């Protein structure tokens, strides 16, 4: 098998202690029709991730790079780190990479998933902000955590039209251009987890029209096919994590002006009512929702750029 095939695409994957899923993800990439170098950003895994990647390198058709961050930076910190390193790698090689392809470590692409995105980019003459794949869950149904949005509160329900204009997408199979990344900056590391992808993709869709590409299909092997919902949580430690999604969403959607504020207010009231009437651990959840919304209006992290 030939090694280090030439490519102008760099795939960025953030991982933490999910060696087996990451292995499946990487093997799927290695079988892709459209070749891509791969940068794995490892949030200091302790499950043999490094050794697994080293074993894969000898059979990988393109360059496979592993960087350990030294600590768990969360998904947002990992993507901030990864996109920063991607720009540095590209610049060092004379702007080697035209595209960056982002995905979670539990994303399994099909042989033509990336090729369809690259072909679409060519058809659009690179006139796009981002291109996002249709994500299916393990049973073949639409993955609810990855449904793209057109406007703040309108989730896409058209999974047949080849190109569907969207404003927000997840980091599960997302194609962006290096030149736009340099111009628009890095994901916000202070988000830590949740909604960093919504905030980041909105920067790109504001710059140029962006699309769901329904013919590019990937499998997202998340544990459950349900959206994030604080009302179902019983573990106090996990309830604490929800402060990130509410705080980060307030930061993201308040930038949309009156429409964003109305959405945030309506969702706040809806979630409070659900907690009051049907949720266990009501006090902890009410406290988390209220305090994280307050925090969100004060939250003002700075967007970083790589010079």
Protein backbone atom coordinates (compact mmCIF):
# COMPACT_ATOMS: atom_id res chain seq x y z
CA UNK A 1 0.00 0.00 0.00
CA UNK A 2 1.37 3.43 -0.93
CA UNK A 3 2.00 5.82 1.93
CA UNK A 4 1.36 9.55 2.36
CA UNK A 5 -0.84 10.16 -0.67
CA UNK A 6 -1.07 13.84 -1.56
CA UNK A 7 -4.16 15.73 -0.41
CA UNK A 8 -5.22 19.32 0.24
CA UNK A 9 -7.69 18.32 2.97
CA UNK A 10 -6.98 17.96 6.68
CA UNK A 11 -9.47 16.17 8.91
CA UNK A 12 -9.56 17.35 12.53
CA UNK A 13 -10.85 14.96 15.19
CA UNK A 14 -11.10 15.63 18.93
CA UNK A 15 -11.05 12.57 21.18
CA UNK A 16 -11.00 11.61 24.83
CA UNK A 17 -10.91 8.02 26.09
CA UNK A 18 -12.91 6.48 23.23
CA UNK A 19 -10.21 4.37 21.62
CA UNK A 20 -12.49 1.81 19.99
CA UNK A 21 -14.83 4.38 18.44
CA UNK A 22 -11.87 6.45 17.30
CA UNK A 23 -10.31 3.37 15.72
CA UNK A 24 -13.51 2.73 13.75
CA UNK A 25 -13.64 6.41 12.78
CA UNK A 26 -10.04 6.40 11.53
CA UNK A 27 -10.41 3.16 9.61
CA UNK A 28 -13.46 4.58 7.84
CA UNK A 29 -11.46 7.66 6.88
CA UNK A 30 -8.65 5.47 5.58
CA UNK A 31 -11.20 3.73 3.32
CA UNK A 32 -12.55 7.02 1.97
CA UNK A 33 -12.50 7.54 -1.80
CA UNK A 34 -11.46 11.14 -1.19
CA UNK A 35 -8.14 11.09 0.64
CA UNK A 36 -7.42 13.37 3.58
CA UNK A 37 -4.64 13.82 6.08
CA UNK A 38 -5.82 13.43 9.66
CA UNK A 39 -5.02 15.38 12.82
CA UNK A 40 -6.20 13.73 16.04
CA UNK A 41 -6.38 16.07 19.01
CA UNK A 42 -6.26 13.89 22.11
CA UNK A 43 -7.51 15.44 25.35
CA UNK A 44 -5.03 13.36 27.36
CA UNK A 45 -6.69 9.94 26.95
CA UNK A 46 -5.60 7.13 29.27
CA UNK A 47 -7.16 4.18 27.43
CA UNK A 48 -4.42 3.31 24.94
CA UNK A 49 -5.50 5.82 22.29
CA UNK A 50 -1.90 6.83 21.53
CA UNK A 51 -0.78 3.23 21.03
CA UNK A 52 -3.77 2.46 18.81
CA UNK A 53 -2.95 5.42 16.56
CA UNK A 54 0.71 4.40 16.35
CA UNK A 55 -0.36 0.93 15.23
CA UNK A 56 -2.64 2.41 12.55
CA UNK A 57 0.01 4.68 11.07
CA UNK A 58 1.81 1.93 9.19
CA UNK A 59 -1.32 1.10 7.19
CA UNK A 60 -2.63 4.64 6.78
CA UNK A 61 -2.61 5.93 3.21
CA UNK A 62 -2.15 9.58 4.21
CA UNK A 63 -0.52 11.44 7.05
CA UNK A 64 -1.93 10.61 10.49
CA UNK A 65 -0.89 13.07 13.18
CA UNK A 66 -1.54 12.61 16.90
CA UNK A 67 -1.23 15.49 19.37
CA UNK A 68 -1.89 15.09 23.09
CA UNK A 69 -3.10 18.34 24.65
CA UNK A 70 -1.88 17.31 28.11
CA UNK A 71 -5.27 17.81 29.77
CA UNK A 72 -8.98 17.50 29.07
CA UNK A 73 -9.85 20.75 27.31
CA UNK A 74 -13.39 19.65 26.52
CA UNK A 75 -14.76 19.50 23.01
CA UNK A 76 -14.56 23.27 22.50
CA UNK A 77 -11.01 23.51 23.82
CA UNK A 78 -10.03 20.53 21.70
CA UNK A 79 -11.37 22.05 18.49
CA UNK A 80 -9.78 25.40 19.36
CA UNK A 81 -6.46 23.59 19.78
CA UNK A 82 -6.99 21.48 16.67
CA UNK A 83 -7.96 24.28 14.30
CA UNK A 84 -5.03 26.35 15.57
CA UNK A 85 -2.60 23.49 14.90
CA UNK A 86 -4.21 22.85 11.51
CA UNK A 87 -3.56 26.42 10.41
CA UNK A 88 0.05 26.19 11.60
CA UNK A 89 0.60 22.91 9.76
CA UNK A 90 -0.94 24.30 6.58
CA UNK A 91 1.06 27.54 6.68
CA UNK A 92 4.30 25.72 7.43
CA UNK A 93 3.82 23.69 4.24
CA UNK A 94 2.96 26.74 2.12
CA UNK A 95 -0.78 26.64 2.73
CA UNK A 96 -0.96 22.95 1.95
CA UNK A 97 -4.57 22.53 3.01
CA UNK A 98 -7.44 24.18 1.18
CA UNK A 99 -10.11 22.55 3.35
CA UNK A 100 -10.48 21.51 6.96
CA UNK A 101 -12.90 18.67 7.70
CA UNK A 102 -14.15 18.50 11.29
CA UNK A 103 -15.72 15.50 13.00
CA UNK A 104 -16.25 13.91 16.39
CA UNK A 105 -14.46 10.69 17.26
CA UNK A 106 -17.71 8.71 17.06
CA UNK A 107 -18.44 9.80 13.48
CA UNK A 108 -18.20 7.01 10.91
CA UNK A 109 -18.04 8.27 7.35
CA UNK A 110 -19.04 6.28 4.29
CA UNK A 111 -16.53 5.80 1.43
CA UNK A 112 -18.07 8.69 -0.53
CA UNK A 113 -19.08 11.05 2.32
CA UNK A 114 -16.13 13.39 1.93
CA UNK A 115 -16.00 13.09 -1.87
CA UNK A 116 -19.59 14.33 -2.11
CA UNK A 117 -18.68 17.37 0.00
CA UNK A 118 -15.60 18.13 -2.09
CA UNK A 119 -17.54 17.67 -5.35
CA UNK A 120 -20.21 20.02 -4.00
CA UNK A 121 -17.56 22.59 -3.10
CA UNK A 122 -16.29 22.42 -6.68
CA UNK A 123 -19.79 22.83 -8.12
CA UNK A 124 -20.27 25.90 -5.93
CA UNK A 125 -16.87 27.27 -7.03
CA UNK A 126 -16.02 27.37 -3.33
CA UNK A 127 -18.75 29.94 -2.77
CA UNK A 128 -19.95 28.63 0.58
CA UNK A 129 -19.42 29.22 4.27
CA UNK A 130 -19.63 25.60 5.37
CA UNK A 131 -20.91 22.29 4.04
CA UNK A 132 -22.48 19.82 6.47
CA UNK A 133 -23.37 16.15 6.00
CA UNK A 134 -26.62 14.40 6.83
CA UNK A 135 -25.98 12.50 10.07
CA UNK A 136 -27.80 9.25 10.78
CA UNK A 137 -27.88 7.37 14.05
CA UNK A 138 -26.89 3.72 14.41
CA UNK A 139 -30.38 2.51 13.45
CA UNK A 140 -30.48 4.60 10.26
CA UNK A 141 -32.80 7.31 11.60
CA UNK A 142 -31.85 10.98 11.55
CA UNK A 143 -29.47 11.76 14.42
CA UNK A 144 -31.38 14.27 16.52
CA UNK A 145 -28.32 15.90 18.05
CA UNK A 146 -26.98 16.87 14.62
CA UNK A 147 -29.99 18.35 12.86
CA UNK A 148 -28.93 21.59 11.18
CA UNK A 149 -30.83 24.82 11.74
CA UNK A 150 -32.10 27.51 9.42
CA UNK A 151 -32.48 30.53 11.69
CA UNK A 152 -32.42 30.35 15.47
CA UNK A 153 -35.41 28.14 16.20
CA UNK A 154 -36.05 26.37 12.91
CA UNK A 155 -34.50 22.92 12.61
CA UNK A 156 -34.21 21.46 9.13
CA UNK A 157 -36.70 18.73 8.16
CA UNK A 158 -35.77 18.44 4.49
CA UNK A 159 -33.44 15.47 4.19
CA UNK A 160 -34.06 14.84 0.49
CA UNK A 161 -33.20 18.01 -1.43
CA UNK A 162 -29.52 17.76 -2.46
CA UNK A 163 -28.59 21.21 -1.10
CA UNK A 164 -30.50 22.84 1.76
CA UNK A 165 -29.45 26.33 2.95
CA UNK A 166 -28.68 26.32 6.69
CA UNK A 167 -27.25 28.70 9.27
CA UNK A 168 -26.06 26.36 12.03
CA UNK A 169 -24.53 22.88 12.06
CA UNK A 170 -22.61 20.52 14.32
CA UNK A 171 -18.98 19.43 14.11
CA UNK A 172 -20.10 16.01 12.87
CA UNK A 173 -18.77 16.01 9.27
CA UNK A 174 -18.27 19.71 8.60
CA UNK A 175 -16.25 21.09 5.68
CA UNK A 176 -14.79 24.61 5.88
CA UNK A 177 -12.11 26.49 3.94
CA UNK A 178 -8.73 27.34 5.41
CA UNK A 179 -8.91 30.92 4.16
CA UNK A 180 -12.20 31.44 6.02
CA UNK A 181 -10.80 29.93 9.20
CA UNK A 182 -7.89 32.37 9.10
CA UNK A 183 -10.33 35.25 8.60
CA UNK A 184 -13.00 34.18 11.11
CA UNK A 185 -10.86 32.79 13.91
CA UNK A 186 -10.93 29.74 16.14
CA UNK A 187 -13.73 28.01 18.04
CA UNK A 188 -14.18 29.56 21.49
CA UNK A 189 -12.34 27.35 23.97
CA UNK A 190 -14.16 28.84 26.97
CA UNK A 191 -17.38 27.13 25.84
CA UNK A 192 -15.76 23.85 27.03
CA UNK A 193 -18.66 21.66 25.87
CA UNK A 194 -21.89 22.17 23.93
CA UNK A 195 -22.90 24.81 21.39
CA UNK A 196 -19.34 25.68 20.35
CA UNK A 197 -20.24 24.23 16.95
CA UNK A 198 -23.40 26.37 16.65
CA UNK A 199 -21.52 29.56 17.48
CA UNK A 200 -18.64 28.68 15.15
CA UNK A 201 -20.71 27.65 12.12
CA UNK A 202 -22.83 30.79 12.47
CA UNK A 203 -19.73 32.88 11.81
CA UNK A 204 -19.30 31.09 8.48
CA UNK A 205 -22.96 31.27 7.43
CA UNK A 206 -23.01 35.00 8.14
CA UNK A 207 -20.06 35.38 5.78
CA UNK A 208 -21.41 33.20 2.98
CA UNK A 209 -24.36 30.95 2.24
CA UNK A 210 -23.95 27.51 3.81
CA UNK A 211 -25.56 24.15 3.14
CA UNK A 212 -26.69 20.77 4.36
CA UNK A 213 -25.52 18.32 1.70
CA UNK A 214 -28.01 15.47 1.91
CA UNK A 215 -26.12 13.16 -0.43
CA UNK A 216 -23.16 13.17 1.96
CA UNK A 217 -24.18 10.72 4.68
CA UNK A 218 -22.35 9.76 7.87
CA UNK A 219 -23.20 7.66 10.91
CA UNK A 220 -22.96 9.30 14.31
CA UNK A 221 -22.55 6.59 16.95
CA UNK A 222 -23.56 8.66 19.96
CA UNK A 223 -24.89 6.67 22.91
CA UNK A 224 -28.55 7.66 22.51
CA UNK A 225 -30.57 9.30 19.75
CA UNK A 226 -32.14 11.96 21.92
CA UNK A 227 -31.55 15.66 22.15
CA UNK A 228 -29.95 17.27 25.18
CA UNK A 229 -32.64 17.61 27.87
CA UNK A 230 -31.98 18.58 31.47
CA UNK A 231 -35.41 17.34 32.60
CA UNK A 232 -34.36 13.69 32.16
CA UNK A 233 -31.12 13.89 34.13
CA UNK A 234 -30.95 12.24 37.55
CA UNK A 235 -27.21 12.42 38.21
CA UNK A 236 -26.31 15.64 40.04
CA UNK A 237 -22.86 15.67 38.41
CA UNK A 238 -24.39 15.66 34.94
CA UNK A 239 -26.95 18.31 35.88
CA UNK A 240 -24.01 20.58 36.67
CA UNK A 241 -22.75 20.18 33.09
CA UNK A 242 -25.91 21.77 31.69
CA UNK A 243 -24.68 25.17 32.82
CA UNK A 244 -22.50 25.14 29.71
CA UNK A 245 -25.28 24.64 27.17
CA UNK A 246 -27.52 27.39 28.58
CA UNK A 247 -24.68 29.87 29.08
CA UNK A 248 -23.22 29.16 25.64
CA UNK A 249 -26.60 29.33 23.91
CA UNK A 250 -27.33 32.72 25.48
CA UNK A 251 -23.99 34.00 24.20
CA UNK A 252 -24.63 32.58 20.74
CA UNK A 253 -28.28 33.50 20.18
CA UNK A 254 -28.33 36.95 21.79
CA UNK A 255 -26.19 38.00 18.83
CA UNK A 256 -29.21 37.41 16.59
CA UNK A 257 -30.96 40.43 18.07
CA UNK A 258 -34.67 40.44 18.98
CA UNK A 259 -35.32 37.07 17.31
CA UNK A 260 -32.61 35.46 19.41
CA UNK A 261 -33.81 37.04 22.65
CA UNK A 262 -37.40 35.91 22.00
CA UNK A 263 -36.18 32.37 21.34
CA UNK A 264 -34.12 32.32 24.54
CA UNK A 265 -37.01 33.65 26.62
CA UNK A 266 -39.51 31.17 25.15
CA UNK A 267 -37.16 28.24 25.67
CA UNK A 268 -36.36 29.37 29.22
CA UNK A 269 -40.06 29.43 30.15
CA UNK A 270 -40.71 26.10 28.44
CA UNK A 271 -37.82 24.37 30.20
CA UNK A 272 -38.76 25.84 33.57
CA UNK A 273 -42.31 24.53 33.21
CA UNK A 274 -41.07 21.08 32.22
CA UNK A 275 -38.76 20.98 35.23
CA UNK A 276 -41.51 22.11 37.61
CA UNK A 277 -44.08 19.59 36.39
CA UNK A 278 -42.18 16.47 35.32
CA UNK A 279 -38.50 16.57 36.30
CA UNK A 280 -36.77 14.92 39.25
CA UNK A 281 -34.27 17.00 41.29
CA UNK A 282 -36.24 20.16 40.56
CA UNK A 283 -34.28 22.54 42.78
CA UNK A 284 -30.89 21.66 41.30
CA UNK A 285 -32.21 22.02 37.75
CA UNK A 286 -34.05 25.30 38.33
CA UNK A 287 -30.92 26.72 39.94
CA UNK A 288 -28.74 25.56 37.02
CA UNK A 289 -31.05 27.01 34.37
CA UNK A 290 -31.48 30.40 36.06
CA UNK A 291 -27.84 30.94 37.01
CA UNK A 292 -26.48 29.80 33.65
CA UNK A 293 -28.81 32.20 31.79
CA UNK A 294 -27.59 35.06 33.97
CA UNK A 295 -24.02 33.96 33.36
CA UNK A 296 -24.66 33.83 29.62
CA UNK A 297 -25.52 37.53 29.43
CA UNK A 298 -22.25 38.36 31.22
CA UNK A 299 -20.15 35.82 29.30
CA UNK A 300 -17.89 37.58 26.81
CA UNK A 301 -14.93 35.43 25.68
CA UNK A 302 -12.64 36.81 23.02
CA UNK A 303 -12.36 35.14 19.61
CA UNK A 304 -8.78 34.09 18.93
CA UNK A 305 -7.00 34.32 15.59
CA UNK A 306 -3.86 32.67 14.27
CA UNK A 307 -1.58 35.22 12.65
